[in-house]
Amino acid sequence: MSASNESLDPKQNLSADTSEQLEVNEGQAEAPGTEAQAQEDWATLLSEAQEQVAQYHDELLRAKAEVENIRRRAADDVAKARKFGTESFAESLIPVRDSLEAALAQPDQSAEAWKDGVEVTLRQLNVAFERNLLKELAPGEGEAFDPHKHQAISTVPSTLPEGTVAQLLQKGYTIADRVLRPALVMVSSGPSAQND
């Protein structure tokens, strides 16, 4: 019971509390110099952090401006490529037009002269195509049908294997390995369909 009386005695509790408070107050009494030092340290850290944030913000703005400049330059390059992308091809076609106009300007030509002129003009056109990576797609009979390069108009019974080109109706063209116009073909349905 004495233990419970001790805890109920207010005088004893006050003395314990004051001694604890004295210890806490003594610790704080030693801290004024260190507290000022801690505040200076925090102020230094804060100013360094603010300088670093300002530096990062400046770098961010510069990077953002650089990205915007790159985007604008790329848009300009794309616009120029669209505008002048056909320049090389057009330069290649000018001699072809000149030849055609020269042929029409000649009165009283023989059929043989016209034929020779058309052949020369066709050679000029072929050179222009080659120079600009324009190639023809002309699959031969029996060649495998390729849906990426050929367009089937119909299937026909044939002695050729099924799924091969039976007849070329119109040449196709590629430009730099991209299909510009697929070749129009008739596809073989195979020999079994011919016997039916």
N, C-alpha and C. Protein backbone atom coordinates (compact mmCIF):
# COMPACT_ATOMS: atom_id res chain seq x y z
N MET A 1 0.80 -1.19 0.00
CA MET A 1 0.00 0.00 0.00
C MET A 1 0.84 1.24 0.00
N SER A 2 2.01 1.14 0.55
CA SER A 2 2.88 2.30 0.58
C SER A 2 3.23 2.76 -0.83
N ALA A 3 3.33 1.83 -1.77
CA ALA A 3 3.62 2.20 -3.15
C ALA A 3 2.48 3.01 -3.72
N SER A 4 1.24 2.63 -3.41
CA SER A 4 0.12 3.38 -3.93
C SER A 4 -0.01 4.72 -3.25
N ASN A 5 0.37 4.83 -1.94
CA ASN A 5 0.33 6.12 -1.25
C ASN A 5 1.37 7.07 -1.82
N GLU A 6 2.51 6.55 -2.17
CA GLU A 6 3.55 7.40 -2.72
C GLU A 6 3.09 8.02 -4.03
N SER A 7 2.45 7.25 -4.86
CA SER A 7 2.01 7.78 -6.14
C SER A 7 0.86 8.75 -5.98
N LEU A 8 0.11 8.64 -4.89
CA LEU A 8 -1.00 9.56 -4.67
C LEU A 8 -0.56 10.83 -3.97
N ASP A 9 0.58 10.86 -3.37
CA ASP A 9 1.07 12.03 -2.65
C ASP A 9 1.49 13.10 -3.65
N PRO A 10 0.77 14.24 -3.68
CA PRO A 10 1.08 15.26 -4.66
C PRO A 10 2.43 15.90 -4.44
N LYS A 11 2.95 15.99 -3.26
CA LYS A 11 4.24 16.62 -3.01
C LYS A 11 5.36 15.83 -3.64
N GLN A 12 5.24 14.52 -3.50
CA GLN A 12 6.28 13.69 -4.09
C GLN A 12 6.26 13.78 -5.61
N ASN A 13 5.09 13.83 -6.21
CA ASN A 13 4.99 13.93 -7.67
C ASN A 13 5.53 15.26 -8.18
N LEU A 14 5.33 16.34 -7.42
CA LEU A 14 5.84 17.64 -7.81
C LEU A 14 7.35 17.67 -7.79
N SER A 15 7.93 17.05 -6.79
CA SER A 15 9.39 17.05 -6.71
C SER A 15 10.00 16.26 -7.85
N ALA A 16 9.36 15.19 -8.26
CA ALA A 16 9.86 14.41 -9.39
C ALA A 16 9.74 15.22 -10.67
N ASP A 17 8.64 15.90 -10.82
CA ASP A 17 8.41 16.69 -12.02
C ASP A 17 9.40 17.83 -12.12
N THR A 18 9.67 18.52 -11.02
CA THR A 18 10.59 19.64 -11.07
C THR A 18 12.00 19.19 -11.36
N SER A 19 12.41 18.08 -10.87
CA SER A 19 13.77 17.61 -11.16
C SER A 19 13.91 17.27 -12.63
N GLU A 20 12.86 16.69 -13.21
CA GLU A 20 12.90 16.40 -14.64
C GLU A 20 12.93 17.69 -15.43
N GLN A 21 12.17 18.68 -15.00
CA GLN A 21 12.16 19.96 -15.69
C GLN A 21 13.50 20.65 -15.58
N LEU A 22 14.16 20.53 -14.42
CA LEU A 22 15.47 21.13 -14.27
C LEU A 22 16.47 20.51 -15.25
N GLU A 23 16.40 19.18 -15.38
CA GLU A 23 17.31 18.51 -16.31
C GLU A 23 17.06 18.99 -17.73
N VAL A 24 15.80 19.13 -18.10
CA VAL A 24 15.46 19.59 -19.44
C VAL A 24 15.92 21.04 -19.61
N ASN A 25 15.68 21.88 -18.60
CA ASN A 25 16.07 23.28 -18.67
C ASN A 25 17.59 23.42 -18.73
N GLU A 26 18.30 22.57 -17.99
CA GLU A 26 19.76 22.63 -18.03
C GLU A 26 20.27 22.28 -19.43
N GLY A 27 19.63 21.30 -20.09
CA GLY A 27 20.02 20.93 -21.45
C GLY A 27 19.77 22.08 -22.40
N GLN A 28 18.69 22.81 -22.19
CA GLN A 28 18.38 23.94 -23.05
C GLN A 28 19.30 25.11 -22.74
N ALA A 29 19.73 25.22 -21.53
CA ALA A 29 20.63 26.31 -21.16
C ALA A 29 21.96 26.16 -21.89
N GLU A 30 22.38 24.93 -22.14
CA GLU A 30 23.63 24.72 -22.85
C GLU A 30 23.47 24.96 -24.36
N ALA A 31 22.26 24.90 -24.89
CA ALA A 31 22.02 24.93 -26.32
C ALA A 31 21.98 26.29 -26.98
N PRO A 32 21.87 27.43 -26.31
CA PRO A 32 21.75 28.67 -27.06
C PRO A 32 22.86 28.87 -28.09
N GLY A 33 24.08 28.55 -27.79
CA GLY A 33 25.16 28.69 -28.77
C GLY A 33 25.01 27.70 -29.91
N THR A 34 24.66 26.47 -29.58
CA THR A 34 24.51 25.44 -30.61
C THR A 34 23.24 25.67 -31.42
N GLU A 35 22.22 26.23 -30.79
CA GLU A 35 20.98 26.52 -31.51
C GLU A 35 21.22 27.59 -32.56
N ALA A 36 21.97 28.60 -32.23
CA ALA A 36 22.31 29.66 -33.19
C ALA A 36 23.13 29.06 -34.33
N GLN A 37 24.05 28.17 -33.97
CA GLN A 37 24.88 27.50 -34.98
C GLN A 37 24.01 26.65 -35.91
N ALA A 38 23.04 25.95 -35.30
CA ALA A 38 22.15 25.10 -36.09
C ALA A 38 21.31 25.95 -37.04
N GLN A 39 20.87 27.10 -36.57
CA GLN A 39 20.08 27.99 -37.42
C GLN A 39 20.93 28.51 -38.58
N GLU A 40 22.18 28.84 -38.29
CA GLU A 40 23.08 29.28 -39.36
C GLU A 40 23.30 28.17 -40.37
N ASP A 41 23.48 26.92 -39.87
CA ASP A 41 23.66 25.77 -40.76
C ASP A 41 22.42 25.58 -41.64
N TRP A 42 21.25 25.70 -41.03
CA TRP A 42 20.01 25.55 -41.80
C TRP A 42 19.88 26.68 -42.82
N ALA A 43 20.23 27.87 -42.44
CA ALA A 43 20.16 29.01 -43.35
C ALA A 43 21.12 28.80 -44.52
N THR A 44 22.32 28.29 -44.23
CA THR A 44 23.30 28.01 -45.29
C THR A 44 22.78 26.93 -46.23
N LEU A 45 22.26 25.86 -45.63
CA LEU A 45 21.70 24.77 -46.45
C LEU A 45 20.55 25.27 -47.31
N LEU A 46 19.70 26.11 -46.73
CA LEU A 46 18.56 26.65 -47.46
C LEU A 46 19.03 27.51 -48.63
N SER A 47 20.00 28.37 -48.39
CA SER A 47 20.47 29.24 -49.48
C SER A 47 21.16 28.42 -50.57
N GLU A 48 21.92 27.38 -50.19
CA GLU A 48 22.55 26.51 -51.19
C GLU A 48 21.49 25.78 -52.00
N ALA A 49 20.45 25.30 -51.31
CA ALA A 49 19.36 24.60 -52.01
C ALA A 49 18.64 25.55 -52.95
N GLN A 50 18.42 26.78 -52.53
CA GLN A 50 17.75 27.75 -53.38
C GLN A 50 18.61 28.09 -54.61
N GLU A 51 19.92 28.19 -54.42
CA GLU A 51 20.82 28.44 -55.56
C GLU A 51 20.78 27.28 -56.54
N GLN A 52 20.76 26.07 -55.98
CA GLN A 52 20.71 24.88 -56.84
C GLN A 52 19.38 24.81 -57.59
N VAL A 53 18.29 25.14 -56.92
CA VAL A 53 16.98 25.17 -57.57
C VAL A 53 16.98 26.21 -58.68
N ALA A 54 17.55 27.37 -58.42
CA ALA A 54 17.63 28.42 -59.44
C ALA A 54 18.47 27.95 -60.64
N GLN A 55 19.57 27.25 -60.35
CA GLN A 55 20.42 26.73 -61.42
C GLN A 55 19.65 25.68 -62.24
N TYR A 56 18.94 24.76 -61.56
CA TYR A 56 18.16 23.74 -62.26
C TYR A 56 17.04 24.39 -63.08
N HIS A 57 16.43 25.41 -62.54
CA HIS A 57 15.36 26.11 -63.26
C HIS A 57 15.92 26.76 -64.52
N ASP A 58 17.08 27.38 -64.42
CA ASP A 58 17.72 27.99 -65.57
C ASP A 58 18.06 26.93 -66.62
N GLU A 59 18.61 25.80 -66.17
CA GLU A 59 18.94 24.71 -67.10
C GLU A 59 17.68 24.16 -67.76
N LEU A 60 16.60 24.07 -67.01
CA LEU A 60 15.34 23.59 -67.56
C LEU A 60 14.83 24.53 -68.63
N LEU A 61 14.88 25.83 -68.36
CA LEU A 61 14.43 26.80 -69.35
C LEU A 61 15.27 26.74 -70.62
N ARG A 62 16.60 26.58 -70.44
CA ARG A 62 17.48 26.48 -71.61
C ARG A 62 17.17 25.20 -72.41
N ALA A 63 16.98 24.09 -71.69
CA ALA A 63 16.67 22.83 -72.37
C ALA A 63 15.33 22.93 -73.10
N LYS A 64 14.36 23.56 -72.47
CA LYS A 64 13.05 23.73 -73.09
C LYS A 64 13.17 24.58 -74.35
N ALA A 65 13.95 25.63 -74.30
CA ALA A 65 14.15 26.49 -75.47
C ALA A 65 14.85 25.71 -76.58
N GLU A 66 15.84 24.90 -76.22
CA GLU A 66 16.56 24.10 -77.20
C GLU A 66 15.63 23.09 -77.88
N VAL A 67 14.79 22.43 -77.08
CA VAL A 67 13.83 21.47 -77.64
C VAL A 67 12.87 22.19 -78.59
N GLU A 68 12.42 23.35 -78.21
CA GLU A 68 11.51 24.12 -79.07
C GLU A 68 12.21 24.52 -80.36
N ASN A 69 13.49 24.91 -80.29
CA ASN A 69 14.25 25.24 -81.50
C ASN A 69 14.41 24.02 -82.41
N ILE A 70 14.70 22.87 -81.81
CA ILE A 70 14.84 21.64 -82.59
C ILE A 70 13.52 21.28 -83.26
N ARG A 71 12.42 21.40 -82.52
CA ARG A 71 11.11 21.09 -83.08
C ARG A 71 10.78 22.03 -84.25
N ARG A 72 11.08 23.32 -84.07
CA ARG A 72 10.81 24.29 -85.13
C ARG A 72 11.67 24.01 -86.37
N ARG A 73 12.97 23.71 -86.14
CA ARG A 73 13.85 23.39 -87.27
C ARG A 73 13.39 22.13 -88.01
N ALA A 74 12.96 21.12 -87.25
CA ALA A 74 12.47 19.88 -87.87
C ALA A 74 11.21 20.16 -88.69
N ALA A 75 10.32 20.98 -88.16
CA ALA A 75 9.10 21.34 -88.92
C ALA A 75 9.47 22.09 -90.19
N ASP A 76 10.46 22.98 -90.12
CA ASP A 76 10.92 23.69 -91.31
C ASP A 76 11.52 22.73 -92.33
N ASP A 77 12.32 21.76 -91.84
CA ASP A 77 12.93 20.77 -92.74
C ASP A 77 11.87 19.93 -93.44
N VAL A 78 10.84 19.53 -92.69
CA VAL A 78 9.76 18.73 -93.28
C VAL A 78 9.02 19.55 -94.33
N ALA A 79 8.75 20.81 -94.02
CA ALA A 79 8.07 21.68 -94.99
C ALA A 79 8.90 21.85 -96.26
N LYS A 80 10.22 22.04 -96.09
CA LYS A 80 11.10 22.18 -97.26
C LYS A 80 11.16 20.88 -98.05
N ALA A 81 11.21 19.75 -97.35
CA ALA A 81 11.26 18.46 -98.04
C ALA A 81 9.99 18.24 -98.85
N ARG A 82 8.85 18.62 -98.30
CA ARG A 82 7.60 18.49 -99.06
C ARG A 82 7.60 19.41 -100.27
N LYS A 83 8.08 20.61 -100.06
CA LYS A 83 8.05 21.62 -101.13
C LYS A 83 9.04 21.29 -102.24
N PHE A 84 10.25 20.85 -101.87
CA PHE A 84 11.31 20.64 -102.85
C PHE A 84 11.66 19.17 -103.06
N GLY A 85 10.90 18.26 -102.48
CA GLY A 85 11.20 16.83 -102.59
C GLY A 85 11.13 16.31 -104.00
N THR A 86 10.31 16.91 -104.81
CA THR A 86 10.18 16.47 -106.20
C THR A 86 11.12 17.21 -107.14
N GLU A 87 11.96 18.07 -106.61
CA GLU A 87 12.86 18.88 -107.44
C GLU A 87 13.76 18.01 -108.31
N SER A 88 14.38 16.99 -107.73
CA SER A 88 15.27 16.12 -108.49
C SER A 88 14.51 15.38 -109.59
N PHE A 89 13.33 14.90 -109.25
CA PHE A 89 12.53 14.18 -110.23
C PHE A 89 12.09 15.13 -111.36
N ALA A 90 11.71 16.34 -110.99
CA ALA A 90 11.30 17.32 -111.99
C ALA A 90 12.46 17.66 -112.92
N GLU A 91 13.66 17.81 -112.37
CA GLU A 91 14.84 18.10 -113.20
C GLU A 91 15.09 16.97 -114.19
N SER A 92 14.82 15.73 -113.76
CA SER A 92 15.02 14.58 -114.66
C SER A 92 13.98 14.54 -115.76
N LEU A 93 12.80 15.08 -115.51
CA LEU A 93 11.72 15.02 -116.51
C LEU A 93 11.77 16.16 -117.53
N ILE A 94 12.48 17.22 -117.23
CA ILE A 94 12.54 18.36 -118.15
C ILE A 94 13.08 17.96 -119.53
N PRO A 95 14.18 17.17 -119.61
CA PRO A 95 14.66 16.77 -120.95
C PRO A 95 13.63 15.91 -121.70
N VAL A 96 12.85 15.13 -120.97
CA VAL A 96 11.82 14.31 -121.63
C VAL A 96 10.79 15.22 -122.28
N ARG A 97 10.37 16.23 -121.54
CA ARG A 97 9.40 17.20 -122.10
C ARG A 97 10.00 17.93 -123.30
N ASP A 98 11.26 18.32 -123.16
CA ASP A 98 11.93 19.01 -124.28
C ASP A 98 11.92 18.15 -125.54
N SER A 99 12.19 16.85 -125.39
CA SER A 99 12.20 15.94 -126.54
C SER A 99 10.82 15.81 -127.15
N LEU A 100 9.80 15.72 -126.30
CA LEU A 100 8.44 15.62 -126.83
C LEU A 100 8.03 16.88 -127.57
N GLU A 101 8.37 18.04 -127.04
CA GLU A 101 8.05 19.30 -127.71
C GLU A 101 8.81 19.43 -129.03
N ALA A 102 10.08 19.00 -129.03
CA ALA A 102 10.88 19.05 -130.27
C ALA A 102 10.28 18.14 -131.33
N ALA A 103 9.79 16.98 -130.92
CA ALA A 103 9.19 16.05 -131.88
C ALA A 103 7.92 16.64 -132.47
N LEU A 104 7.11 17.30 -131.65
CA LEU A 104 5.87 17.90 -132.15
C LEU A 104 6.14 19.12 -133.02
N ALA A 105 7.26 19.77 -132.82
CA ALA A 105 7.59 20.97 -133.59
C ALA A 105 8.09 20.66 -135.00
N GLN A 106 8.46 19.41 -135.27
CA GLN A 106 8.99 19.01 -136.59
C GLN A 106 7.82 18.66 -137.52
N PRO A 107 7.66 19.44 -138.57
CA PRO A 107 6.58 19.11 -139.53
C PRO A 107 7.02 18.02 -140.51
N ASP A 108 6.07 17.34 -141.04
CA ASP A 108 6.30 16.34 -142.10
C ASP A 108 7.37 15.32 -141.75
N GLN A 109 7.21 14.63 -140.64
CA GLN A 109 8.17 13.58 -140.27
C GLN A 109 7.64 12.24 -140.73
N SER A 110 8.57 11.37 -141.06
CA SER A 110 8.17 10.01 -141.44
C SER A 110 7.85 9.21 -140.18
N ALA A 111 7.17 8.13 -140.39
CA ALA A 111 6.81 7.25 -139.26
C ALA A 111 8.06 6.72 -138.58
N GLU A 112 9.08 6.44 -139.37
CA GLU A 112 10.33 5.92 -138.82
C GLU A 112 11.00 6.97 -137.93
N ALA A 113 10.99 8.23 -138.35
CA ALA A 113 11.58 9.31 -137.55
C ALA A 113 10.81 9.49 -136.24
N TRP A 114 9.48 9.41 -136.31
CA TRP A 114 8.67 9.51 -135.09
C TRP A 114 9.01 8.37 -134.14
N LYS A 115 9.12 7.17 -134.70
CA LYS A 115 9.43 6.00 -133.87
C LYS A 115 10.79 6.18 -133.19
N ASP A 116 11.80 6.64 -133.94
CA ASP A 116 13.12 6.86 -133.37
C ASP A 116 13.07 7.91 -132.25
N GLY A 117 12.31 8.98 -132.49
CA GLY A 117 12.17 10.04 -131.49
C GLY A 117 11.50 9.55 -130.22
N VAL A 118 10.48 8.72 -130.37
CA VAL A 118 9.78 8.16 -129.20
C VAL A 118 10.71 7.24 -128.42
N GLU A 119 11.53 6.45 -129.13
CA GLU A 119 12.48 5.55 -128.45
C GLU A 119 13.52 6.35 -127.66
N VAL A 120 14.02 7.44 -128.22
CA VAL A 120 14.99 8.29 -127.52
C VAL A 120 14.33 8.89 -126.28
N THR A 121 13.10 9.35 -126.45
CA THR A 121 12.38 9.95 -125.32
C THR A 121 12.13 8.92 -124.23
N LEU A 122 11.79 7.69 -124.62
CA LEU A 122 11.57 6.62 -123.63
C LEU A 122 12.87 6.32 -122.87
N ARG A 123 13.99 6.33 -123.57
CA ARG A 123 15.28 6.11 -122.90
C ARG A 123 15.54 7.23 -121.89
N GLN A 124 15.25 8.47 -122.26
CA GLN A 124 15.40 9.59 -121.33
C GLN A 124 14.51 9.40 -120.10
N LEU A 125 13.29 8.95 -120.33
CA LEU A 125 12.37 8.72 -119.22
C LEU A 125 12.87 7.59 -118.31
N ASN A 126 13.42 6.54 -118.89
CA ASN A 126 13.97 5.44 -118.09
C ASN A 126 15.15 5.91 -117.24
N VAL A 127 16.00 6.77 -117.81
CA VAL A 127 17.12 7.32 -117.05
C VAL A 127 16.60 8.16 -115.88
N ALA A 128 15.55 8.96 -116.13
CA ALA A 128 14.95 9.77 -115.06
C ALA A 128 14.39 8.87 -113.96
N PHE A 129 13.76 7.77 -114.35
CA PHE A 129 13.21 6.83 -113.35
C PHE A 129 14.34 6.21 -112.53
N GLU A 130 15.38 5.75 -113.19
CA GLU A 130 16.51 5.13 -112.48
C GLU A 130 17.17 6.11 -111.53
N ARG A 131 17.36 7.33 -111.99
CA ARG A 131 18.01 8.35 -111.17
C ARG A 131 17.23 8.62 -109.88
N ASN A 132 15.91 8.48 -109.95
CA ASN A 132 15.06 8.77 -108.81
C ASN A 132 14.51 7.52 -108.13
N LEU A 133 15.17 6.38 -108.35
CA LEU A 133 14.85 5.11 -107.70
C LEU A 133 13.43 4.63 -107.98
N LEU A 134 12.92 4.97 -109.14
CA LEU A 134 11.59 4.52 -109.56
C LEU A 134 11.78 3.28 -110.42
N LYS A 135 11.27 2.14 -109.95
CA LYS A 135 11.46 0.87 -110.65
C LYS A 135 10.10 0.27 -110.98
N GLU A 136 10.07 -0.45 -112.10
CA GLU A 136 8.80 -1.06 -112.50
C GLU A 136 8.63 -2.43 -111.86
N LEU A 137 7.37 -2.77 -111.63
CA LEU A 137 6.98 -4.10 -111.17
C LEU A 137 6.27 -4.76 -112.33
N ALA A 138 6.90 -5.75 -112.90
CA ALA A 138 6.31 -6.46 -114.04
C ALA A 138 6.50 -7.96 -113.83
N PRO A 139 5.66 -8.57 -112.97
CA PRO A 139 5.83 -10.00 -112.72
C PRO A 139 5.52 -10.83 -113.97
N GLY A 140 6.35 -11.82 -114.20
CA GLY A 140 6.15 -12.70 -115.36
C GLY A 140 5.18 -13.83 -115.02
N GLU A 141 4.73 -14.51 -116.08
CA GLU A 141 3.82 -15.65 -115.87
C GLU A 141 4.51 -16.71 -115.02
N GLY A 142 3.78 -17.22 -114.05
CA GLY A 142 4.32 -18.27 -113.18
C GLY A 142 5.01 -17.74 -111.94
N GLU A 143 5.21 -16.42 -111.89
CA GLU A 143 5.83 -15.82 -110.70
C GLU A 143 4.82 -15.82 -109.56
N ALA A 144 5.30 -16.00 -108.34
CA ALA A 144 4.41 -16.06 -107.18
C ALA A 144 3.68 -14.73 -106.99
N PHE A 145 2.39 -14.81 -106.70
CA PHE A 145 1.60 -13.61 -106.44
C PHE A 145 2.01 -13.03 -105.09
N ASP A 146 2.33 -11.73 -105.06
CA ASP A 146 2.71 -11.04 -103.82
C ASP A 146 1.69 -9.93 -103.57
N PRO A 147 0.82 -10.10 -102.56
CA PRO A 147 -0.22 -9.10 -102.33
C PRO A 147 0.32 -7.73 -101.92
N HIS A 148 1.59 -7.67 -101.54
CA HIS A 148 2.20 -6.38 -101.18
C HIS A 148 2.64 -5.60 -102.42
N LYS A 149 2.84 -6.31 -103.54
CA LYS A 149 3.31 -5.66 -104.76
C LYS A 149 2.35 -5.80 -105.93
N HIS A 150 1.45 -6.76 -105.85
CA HIS A 150 0.54 -7.04 -106.96
C HIS A 150 -0.91 -6.87 -106.52
N GLN A 151 -1.75 -6.50 -107.46
CA GLN A 151 -3.19 -6.41 -107.20
C GLN A 151 -3.88 -7.38 -108.15
N ALA A 152 -4.57 -8.37 -107.56
CA ALA A 152 -5.25 -9.37 -108.37
C ALA A 152 -6.59 -8.82 -108.83
N ILE A 153 -6.82 -8.90 -110.12
CA ILE A 153 -8.10 -8.47 -110.70
C ILE A 153 -9.08 -9.63 -110.67
N SER A 154 -8.58 -10.82 -110.99
CA SER A 154 -9.42 -12.02 -110.95
C SER A 154 -8.53 -13.25 -110.94
N THR A 155 -9.17 -14.40 -110.75
CA THR A 155 -8.46 -15.67 -110.87
C THR A 155 -8.96 -16.36 -112.14
N VAL A 156 -8.06 -17.04 -112.79
CA VAL A 156 -8.41 -17.74 -114.04
C VAL A 156 -7.85 -19.14 -114.01
N PRO A 157 -8.57 -20.10 -114.60
CA PRO A 157 -8.00 -21.44 -114.70
C PRO A 157 -6.77 -21.41 -115.61
N SER A 158 -5.74 -22.14 -115.22
CA SER A 158 -4.50 -22.09 -115.96
C SER A 158 -3.69 -23.35 -115.70
N THR A 159 -2.75 -23.64 -116.59
CA THR A 159 -1.83 -24.75 -116.38
C THR A 159 -0.76 -24.39 -115.35
N LEU A 160 -0.71 -23.12 -115.00
CA LEU A 160 0.26 -22.65 -114.01
C LEU A 160 -0.19 -23.03 -112.61
N PRO A 161 0.74 -23.18 -111.67
CA PRO A 161 0.35 -23.52 -110.30
C PRO A 161 -0.58 -22.47 -109.68
N GLU A 162 -1.40 -22.91 -108.77
CA GLU A 162 -2.34 -22.02 -108.10
C GLU A 162 -1.57 -20.95 -107.30
N GLY A 163 -2.05 -19.71 -107.35
CA GLY A 163 -1.43 -18.62 -106.59
C GLY A 163 -0.27 -17.96 -107.31
N THR A 164 -0.12 -18.26 -108.60
CA THR A 164 0.94 -17.60 -109.37
C THR A 164 0.31 -16.65 -110.37
N VAL A 165 1.12 -15.75 -110.90
CA VAL A 165 0.63 -14.77 -111.88
C VAL A 165 0.37 -15.49 -113.19
N ALA A 166 -0.86 -15.37 -113.70
CA ALA A 166 -1.21 -15.97 -114.99
C ALA A 166 -1.03 -14.97 -116.11
N GLN A 167 -1.31 -13.68 -115.83
CA GLN A 167 -1.19 -12.65 -116.86
C GLN A 167 -0.97 -11.29 -116.21
N LEU A 168 -0.09 -10.49 -116.80
CA LEU A 168 0.15 -9.12 -116.35
C LEU A 168 -0.74 -8.20 -117.17
N LEU A 169 -1.57 -7.42 -116.49
CA LEU A 169 -2.45 -6.48 -117.18
C LEU A 169 -1.87 -5.07 -117.23
N GLN A 170 -1.18 -4.66 -116.15
CA GLN A 170 -0.59 -3.33 -116.10
C GLN A 170 0.61 -3.36 -115.16
N LYS A 171 1.72 -2.76 -115.60
CA LYS A 171 2.92 -2.71 -114.76
C LYS A 171 2.65 -1.86 -113.52
N GLY A 172 3.35 -2.21 -112.46
CA GLY A 172 3.31 -1.41 -111.24
C GLY A 172 4.66 -0.72 -111.07
N TYR A 173 4.75 0.13 -110.05
CA TYR A 173 6.00 0.86 -109.82
C TYR A 173 6.29 0.98 -108.33
N THR A 174 7.59 0.95 -108.01
CA THR A 174 8.04 1.21 -106.64
C THR A 174 8.97 2.42 -106.69
N ILE A 175 9.02 3.13 -105.60
CA ILE A 175 9.96 4.24 -105.47
C ILE A 175 10.70 4.02 -104.16
N ALA A 176 12.00 3.79 -104.26
CA ALA A 176 12.85 3.50 -103.09
C ALA A 176 12.24 2.38 -102.26
N ASP A 177 11.87 1.28 -102.91
CA ASP A 177 11.33 0.07 -102.27
C ASP A 177 9.95 0.27 -101.65
N ARG A 178 9.29 1.34 -101.96
CA ARG A 178 7.91 1.56 -101.50
C ARG A 178 7.00 1.47 -102.72
N VAL A 179 5.91 0.70 -102.60
CA VAL A 179 5.02 0.51 -103.74
C VAL A 179 4.28 1.81 -104.03
N LEU A 180 4.49 2.30 -105.24
CA LEU A 180 3.80 3.51 -105.70
C LEU A 180 2.47 3.11 -106.34
N ARG A 181 2.54 2.07 -107.17
CA ARG A 181 1.33 1.52 -107.79
C ARG A 181 1.55 0.02 -107.95
N PRO A 182 0.64 -0.81 -107.42
CA PRO A 182 0.82 -2.26 -107.57
C PRO A 182 0.59 -2.69 -109.02
N ALA A 183 1.22 -3.79 -109.39
CA ALA A 183 1.01 -4.35 -110.73
C ALA A 183 -0.35 -5.02 -110.75
N LEU A 184 -1.13 -4.78 -111.81
CA LEU A 184 -2.44 -5.42 -111.97
C LEU A 184 -2.23 -6.76 -112.67
N VAL A 185 -2.70 -7.83 -112.03
CA VAL A 185 -2.46 -9.17 -112.57
C VAL A 185 -3.70 -10.02 -112.48
N MET A 186 -3.69 -11.08 -113.28
CA MET A 186 -4.68 -12.15 -113.14
C MET A 186 -3.93 -13.33 -112.53
N VAL A 187 -4.56 -13.96 -111.54
CA VAL A 187 -3.89 -15.02 -110.79
C VAL A 187 -4.46 -16.37 -111.20
N SER A 188 -3.57 -17.33 -111.29
CA SER A 188 -3.97 -18.69 -111.66
C SER A 188 -4.71 -19.36 -110.52
N SER A 189 -5.82 -20.02 -110.88
CA SER A 189 -6.56 -20.81 -109.87
C SER A 189 -6.08 -22.26 -109.90
N GLY A 190 -5.12 -22.56 -110.78
CA GLY A 190 -4.50 -23.88 -110.82
C GLY A 190 -5.06 -24.75 -111.94
N PRO A 191 -4.36 -25.84 -112.21
CA PRO A 191 -4.80 -26.73 -113.31
C PRO A 191 -6.08 -27.47 -112.98
N SER A 192 -6.38 -27.74 -111.71
CA SER A 192 -7.58 -28.51 -111.37
C SER A 192 -8.84 -27.74 -111.74
N ALA A 193 -8.81 -26.43 -111.65
CA ALA A 193 -9.98 -25.62 -111.99
C ALA A 193 -10.21 -25.62 -113.50
N GLN A 194 -9.14 -25.84 -114.28
CA GLN A 194 -9.26 -25.84 -115.73
C GLN A 194 -9.98 -27.09 -116.20
N ASN A 195 -9.79 -28.20 -115.50
CA ASN A 195 -10.39 -29.45 -115.90
C ASN A 195 -11.87 -29.52 -115.57
N ASP A 196 -12.35 -28.67 -114.67
CA ASP A 196 -13.76 -28.73 -114.23
C ASP A 196 -14.72 -28.30 -115.30
